[in-house]
Amino acid sequence: MLSLDFLDDVRRMNKRQLYYQVLNFGMIVSSALMIWKGLMVVTGSESPIVVVLSGSMEPAFHRGDLLFLTNRVEDPIRVGEIVVFRIEGREIPIVHRVLKIHEKENGEIKFLTKGDNNSVDDRGLYKPGQHWLEKKTWFVPYIGIVTILMNDYPKFKYAVLFLLGLFVLVHRE
């Protein structure tokens, strides 16, 4: 039985072993944060990796696809490219294709976007001062489905986090 095995393992640990396991868990968390921050610096993006959460870009991307993003000045956005942007007041970033680019005389550039699976463009979504995040560099299909499951089913998220924490605490090496 899982719960009894866990309790037996914890009882057998002395304080030093328990501290070691907690420090090990802390190292894993801090390593993940350092990797994330490193990706932010390398890509120039505040969110270097995002998961597609809707079907608006099908058949190009499906729910659960993982996108890797960049935001480099030397690589401008062009018509037909896929961009990720956030709208003020909405948590979820939007993944859509650029339809038109409007460059004003003052140098300001505006983009018109649309989801491949949507019937209309995104004019109704935009707000004044809309800022772009990044454009898609490459993707991994369906690997982000775990993120969708964790958002749709919060109990699943807590169960996964509990099991991962339990594994780190009990695993001895």
C-alpha atoms as a PDB file:
ATOM      1  CA  MET A   1       0.000   0.000   0.000  1.00  0.00           C
ATOM      2  CA  LEU A   2       1.450   3.375  -1.069  1.00  0.00           C
ATOM      3  CA  SER A   3       0.569   5.456   1.996  1.00  0.00           C
ATOM      4  CA  LEU A   4       1.953   2.899   4.480  1.00  0.00           C
ATOM      5  CA  ASP A   5       5.192   2.484   2.499  1.00  0.00           C
ATOM      6  CA  PHE A   6       5.650   6.238   2.484  1.00  0.00           C
ATOM      7  CA  LEU A   7       5.126   6.522   6.233  1.00  0.00           C
ATOM      8  CA  ASP A   8       7.579   3.679   6.881  1.00  0.00           C
ATOM      9  CA  ASP A   9      10.207   5.378   4.701  1.00  0.00           C
ATOM     10  CA  VAL A  10       9.741   8.706   6.503  1.00  0.00           C
ATOM     11  CA  ARG A  11       9.956   7.047   9.931  1.00  0.00           C
ATOM     12  CA  ARG A  12      13.218   5.338   8.985  1.00  0.00           C
ATOM     13  CA  MET A  13      14.830   8.649   7.999  1.00  0.00           C
ATOM     14  CA  ASN A  14      16.853  10.535  10.555  1.00  0.00           C
ATOM     15  CA  LYS A  15      16.829  14.356  10.615  1.00  0.00           C
ATOM     16  CA  ARG A  16      19.905  14.620   8.437  1.00  0.00           C
ATOM     17  CA  GLN A  17      18.353  12.443   5.705  1.00  0.00           C
ATOM     18  CA  LEU A  18      15.116  14.430   5.847  1.00  0.00           C
ATOM     19  CA  TYR A  19      17.016  17.740   5.552  1.00  0.00           C
ATOM     20  CA  TYR A  20      18.949  16.276   2.637  1.00  0.00           C
ATOM     21  CA  GLN A  21      15.726  15.325   0.842  1.00  0.00           C
ATOM     22  CA  VAL A  22      14.213  18.789   1.428  1.00  0.00           C
ATOM     23  CA  LEU A  23      17.411  20.438   0.126  1.00  0.00           C
ATOM     24  CA  ASN A  24      17.366  18.109  -2.868  1.00  0.00           C
ATOM     25  CA  PHE A  25      13.801  19.181  -3.634  1.00  0.00           C
ATOM     26  CA  GLY A  26      14.837  22.841  -3.280  1.00  0.00           C
ATOM     27  CA  MET A  27      17.696  22.287  -5.729  1.00  0.00           C
ATOM     28  CA  ILE A  28      15.307  20.805  -8.277  1.00  0.00           C
ATOM     29  CA  VAL A  29      12.937  23.772  -7.970  1.00  0.00           C
ATOM     30  CA  SER A  30      15.748  26.343  -8.152  1.00  0.00           C
ATOM     31  CA  SER A  31      17.296  24.566 -11.162  1.00  0.00           C
ATOM     32  CA  ALA A  32      13.966  24.709 -12.983  1.00  0.00           C
ATOM     33  CA  LEU A  33      13.688  28.433 -12.242  1.00  0.00           C
ATOM     34  CA  MET A  34      17.241  29.070 -13.466  1.00  0.00           C
ATOM     35  CA  ILE A  35      16.564  27.186 -16.700  1.00  0.00           C
ATOM     36  CA  TRP A  36      13.376  29.227 -17.228  1.00  0.00           C
ATOM     37  CA  LYS A  37      15.183  32.533 -16.595  1.00  0.00           C
ATOM     38  CA  GLY A  38      18.010  31.424 -18.896  1.00  0.00           C
ATOM     39  CA  LEU A  39      15.516  30.704 -21.670  1.00  0.00           C
ATOM     40  CA  MET A  40      14.013  34.164 -21.126  1.00  0.00           C
ATOM     41  CA  VAL A  41      17.429  35.781 -21.644  1.00  0.00           C
ATOM     42  CA  VAL A  42      18.382  33.673 -24.681  1.00  0.00           C
ATOM     43  CA  THR A  43      15.035  34.121 -26.486  1.00  0.00           C
ATOM     44  CA  GLY A  44      14.324  37.701 -25.402  1.00  0.00           C
ATOM     45  CA  SER A  45      10.846  36.557 -24.462  1.00  0.00           C
ATOM     46  CA  GLU A  46       8.951  36.915 -21.196  1.00  0.00           C
ATOM     47  CA  SER A  47       7.294  33.550 -21.920  1.00  0.00           C
ATOM     48  CA  PRO A  48       9.715  31.437 -23.989  1.00  0.00           C
ATOM     49  CA  ILE A  49       7.426  28.388 -23.949  1.00  0.00           C
ATOM     50  CA  VAL A  50       3.606  28.386 -24.165  1.00  0.00           C
ATOM     51  CA  VAL A  51       0.936  25.741 -24.579  1.00  0.00           C
ATOM     52  CA  VAL A  52      -1.822  26.116 -27.178  1.00  0.00           C
ATOM     53  CA  LEU A  53      -5.035  26.174 -25.137  1.00  0.00           C
ATOM     54  CA  SER A  54      -7.709  26.528 -27.836  1.00  0.00           C
ATOM     55  CA  GLY A  55      -8.520  25.148 -31.270  1.00  0.00           C
ATOM     56  CA  SER A  56      -8.398  28.518 -33.057  1.00  0.00           C
ATOM     57  CA  MET A  57      -5.205  27.623 -34.960  1.00  0.00           C
ATOM     58  CA  GLU A  58      -6.211  24.154 -36.156  1.00  0.00           C
ATOM     59  CA  PRO A  59      -5.042  22.444 -38.358  1.00  0.00           C
ATOM     60  CA  ALA A  60      -1.638  24.170 -37.870  1.00  0.00           C
ATOM     61  CA  PHE A  61      -1.644  23.689 -34.079  1.00  0.00           C
ATOM     62  CA  HIS A  62      -3.885  21.650 -31.815  1.00  0.00           C
ATOM     63  CA  ARG A  63      -4.758  22.002 -28.145  1.00  0.00           C
ATOM     64  CA  GLY A  64      -1.808  20.849 -26.103  1.00  0.00           C
ATOM     65  CA  ASP A  65       0.914  21.683 -28.635  1.00  0.00           C
ATOM     66  CA  LEU A  66       3.970  23.279 -27.049  1.00  0.00           C
ATOM     67  CA  LEU A  67       5.322  26.415 -28.774  1.00  0.00           C
ATOM     68  CA  PHE A  68       8.834  27.805 -28.388  1.00  0.00           C
ATOM     69  CA  LEU A  69       8.913  31.588 -28.816  1.00  0.00           C
ATOM     70  CA  THR A  70      11.463  34.287 -29.638  1.00  0.00           C
ATOM     71  CA  ASN A  71      11.325  38.075 -29.568  1.00  0.00           C
ATOM     72  CA  ARG A  72      14.368  39.304 -31.476  1.00  0.00           C
ATOM     73  CA  VAL A  73      14.574  42.808 -32.950  1.00  0.00           C
ATOM     74  CA  GLU A  74      16.785  41.597 -35.814  1.00  0.00           C
ATOM     75  CA  ASP A  75      14.063  39.133 -36.893  1.00  0.00           C
ATOM     76  CA  PRO A  76      10.925  41.236 -37.547  1.00  0.00           C
ATOM     77  CA  ILE A  77       7.415  39.803 -37.731  1.00  0.00           C
ATOM     78  CA  ARG A  78       6.152  39.184 -41.288  1.00  0.00           C
ATOM     79  CA  VAL A  79       2.751  38.484 -42.829  1.00  0.00           C
ATOM     80  CA  GLY A  80       1.880  34.793 -42.502  1.00  0.00           C
ATOM     81  CA  GLU A  81       3.946  34.199 -39.373  1.00  0.00           C
ATOM     82  CA  ILE A  82       2.402  32.945 -36.166  1.00  0.00           C
ATOM     83  CA  VAL A  83       2.595  35.267 -33.176  1.00  0.00           C
ATOM     84  CA  VAL A  84       1.630  35.022 -29.525  1.00  0.00           C
ATOM     85  CA  PHE A  85       0.139  38.044 -27.799  1.00  0.00           C
ATOM     86  CA  ARG A  86      -1.682  38.919 -24.640  1.00  0.00           C
ATOM     87  CA  ILE A  87      -4.729  41.138 -24.394  1.00  0.00           C
ATOM     88  CA  GLU A  88      -5.168  43.374 -21.393  1.00  0.00           C
ATOM     89  CA  GLY A  89      -7.603  41.805 -18.945  1.00  0.00           C
ATOM     90  CA  ARG A  90      -7.130  38.253 -20.285  1.00  0.00           C
ATOM     91  CA  GLU A  91      -4.772  35.772 -18.648  1.00  0.00           C
ATOM     92  CA  ILE A  92      -4.371  33.407 -21.559  1.00  0.00           C
ATOM     93  CA  PRO A  93      -2.022  34.378 -24.414  1.00  0.00           C
ATOM     94  CA  ILE A  94      -3.479  34.164 -27.928  1.00  0.00           C
ATOM     95  CA  VAL A  95      -1.732  32.232 -30.715  1.00  0.00           C
ATOM     96  CA  HIS A  96      -2.757  33.579 -34.157  1.00  0.00           C
ATOM     97  CA  ARG A  97      -1.368  34.259 -37.645  1.00  0.00           C
ATOM     98  CA  VAL A  98      -0.472  37.755 -38.933  1.00  0.00           C
ATOM     99  CA  LEU A  99      -2.768  38.779 -41.820  1.00  0.00           C
ATOM    100  CA  LYS A 100      -1.620  42.359 -42.424  1.00  0.00           C
ATOM    101  CA  ILE A 101       1.049  44.730 -41.177  1.00  0.00           C
ATOM    102  CA  HIS A 102       0.243  48.455 -41.070  1.00  0.00           C
ATOM    103  CA  GLU A 103       3.221  50.790 -40.769  1.00  0.00           C
ATOM    104  CA  LYS A 104       2.353  54.421 -40.021  1.00  0.00           C
ATOM    105  CA  GLU A 105       4.420  57.435 -41.062  1.00  0.00           C
ATOM    106  CA  ASN A 106       5.566  57.956 -37.465  1.00  0.00           C
ATOM    107  CA  GLY A 107       7.180  54.486 -37.500  1.00  0.00           C
ATOM    108  CA  GLU A 108       4.466  52.809 -35.414  1.00  0.00           C
ATOM    109  CA  ILE A 109       3.660  49.294 -36.600  1.00  0.00           C
ATOM    110  CA  LYS A 110       0.293  47.597 -36.103  1.00  0.00           C
ATOM    111  CA  PHE A 111      -0.640  44.019 -36.913  1.00  0.00           C
ATOM    112  CA  LEU A 112      -3.920  42.405 -37.902  1.00  0.00           C
ATOM    113  CA  THR A 113      -4.182  38.761 -36.822  1.00  0.00           C
ATOM    114  CA  LYS A 114      -6.626  35.889 -37.150  1.00  0.00           C
ATOM    115  CA  GLY A 115      -6.832  32.303 -35.971  1.00  0.00           C
ATOM    116  CA  ASP A 116      -6.675  29.838 -38.885  1.00  0.00           C
ATOM    117  CA  ASN A 117      -9.836  28.135 -37.613  1.00  0.00           C
ATOM    118  CA  ASN A 118     -11.724  31.405 -36.936  1.00  0.00           C
ATOM    119  CA  SER A 119     -14.164  32.973 -39.399  1.00  0.00           C
ATOM    120  CA  VAL A 120     -13.261  36.612 -38.575  1.00  0.00           C
ATOM    121  CA  ASP A 121     -10.065  38.513 -37.785  1.00  0.00           C
ATOM    122  CA  ASP A 122      -9.103  39.740 -34.320  1.00  0.00           C
ATOM    123  CA  ARG A 123     -10.108  43.430 -34.608  1.00  0.00           C
ATOM    124  CA  GLY A 124     -12.775  42.938 -31.951  1.00  0.00           C
ATOM    125  CA  LEU A 125     -10.179  41.662 -29.468  1.00  0.00           C
ATOM    126  CA  TYR A 126      -7.625  44.460 -29.676  1.00  0.00           C
ATOM    127  CA  LYS A 127      -7.394  47.291 -27.195  1.00  0.00           C
ATOM    128  CA  PRO A 128      -5.443  50.550 -27.532  1.00  0.00           C
ATOM    129  CA  GLY A 129      -1.788  50.096 -26.659  1.00  0.00           C
ATOM    130  CA  GLN A 130      -1.844  46.373 -27.458  1.00  0.00           C
ATOM    131  CA  HIS A 131       1.637  44.866 -27.067  1.00  0.00           C
ATOM    132  CA  TRP A 132       2.975  41.822 -28.852  1.00  0.00           C
ATOM    133  CA  LEU A 133       4.812  39.113 -27.051  1.00  0.00           C
ATOM    134  CA  GLU A 134       6.704  36.876 -29.443  1.00  0.00           C
ATOM    135  CA  LYS A 135       6.531  34.849 -32.600  1.00  0.00           C
ATOM    136  CA  LYS A 136       6.609  31.082 -32.836  1.00  0.00           C
ATOM    137  CA  THR A 137      10.007  29.540 -33.612  1.00  0.00           C
ATOM    138  CA  TRP A 138       9.163  25.818 -33.469  1.00  0.00           C
ATOM    139  CA  PHE A 139       6.749  23.490 -31.686  1.00  0.00           C
ATOM    140  CA  VAL A 140       6.268  20.036 -30.159  1.00  0.00           C
ATOM    141  CA  PRO A 141       2.828  18.505 -30.796  1.00  0.00           C
ATOM    142  CA  TYR A 142       0.530  17.626 -27.880  1.00  0.00           C
ATOM    143  CA  ILE A 143       3.193  17.667 -25.145  1.00  0.00           C
ATOM    144  CA  GLY A 144       1.439  20.505 -23.332  1.00  0.00           C
ATOM    145  CA  ILE A 145      -1.760  18.499 -22.792  1.00  0.00           C
ATOM    146  CA  VAL A 146      -0.659  17.989 -19.172  1.00  0.00           C
ATOM    147  CA  THR A 147      -0.933  21.763 -18.643  1.00  0.00           C
ATOM    148  CA  ILE A 148      -4.456  21.749 -20.054  1.00  0.00           C
ATOM    149  CA  LEU A 149      -5.434  18.831 -17.798  1.00  0.00           C
ATOM    150  CA  MET A 150      -4.007  20.626 -14.773  1.00  0.00           C
ATOM    151  CA  ASN A 151      -5.965  23.795 -15.597  1.00  0.00           C
ATOM    152  CA  ASP A 152      -9.208  21.967 -16.389  1.00  0.00           C
ATOM    153  CA  TYR A 153      -8.974  19.591 -13.413  1.00  0.00           C
ATOM    154  CA  PRO A 154      -7.367  21.289 -10.363  1.00  0.00           C
ATOM    155  CA  LYS A 155      -7.485  18.069  -8.302  1.00  0.00           C
ATOM    156  CA  PHE A 156      -5.320  16.393 -10.943  1.00  0.00           C
ATOM    157  CA  LYS A 157      -2.781  19.220 -10.595  1.00  0.00           C
ATOM    158  CA  TYR A 158      -2.579  18.831  -6.821  1.00  0.00           C
ATOM    159  CA  ALA A 159      -2.301  15.049  -7.115  1.00  0.00           C
ATOM    160  CA  VAL A 160       0.604  15.327  -9.586  1.00  0.00           C
ATOM    161  CA  LEU A 161       2.396  17.913  -7.433  1.00  0.00           C
ATOM    162  CA  PHE A 162       1.861  15.773  -4.329  1.00  0.00           C
ATOM    163  CA  LEU A 163       3.208  12.650  -6.030  1.00  0.00           C
ATOM    164  CA  LEU A 164       6.256  14.507  -7.382  1.00  0.00           C
ATOM    165  CA  GLY A 165       7.004  15.985  -3.959  1.00  0.00           C
ATOM    166  CA  LEU A 166       6.520  12.591  -2.347  1.00  0.00           C
ATOM    167  CA  PHE A 167       8.883  10.967  -4.835  1.00  0.00           C
ATOM    168  CA  VAL A 168      11.599  13.542  -4.170  1.00  0.00           C
ATOM    169  CA  LEU A 169      11.285  13.192  -0.401  1.00  0.00           C
ATOM    170  CA  VAL A 170      11.290   9.391  -0.358  1.00  0.00           C
ATOM    171  CA  HIS A 171      13.729   8.668  -3.184  1.00  0.00           C
ATOM    172  CA  ARG A 172      17.195   8.011  -1.754  1.00  0.00           C
ATOM    173  CA  GLU A 173      20.364   8.373  -3.821  1.00  0.00           C
END
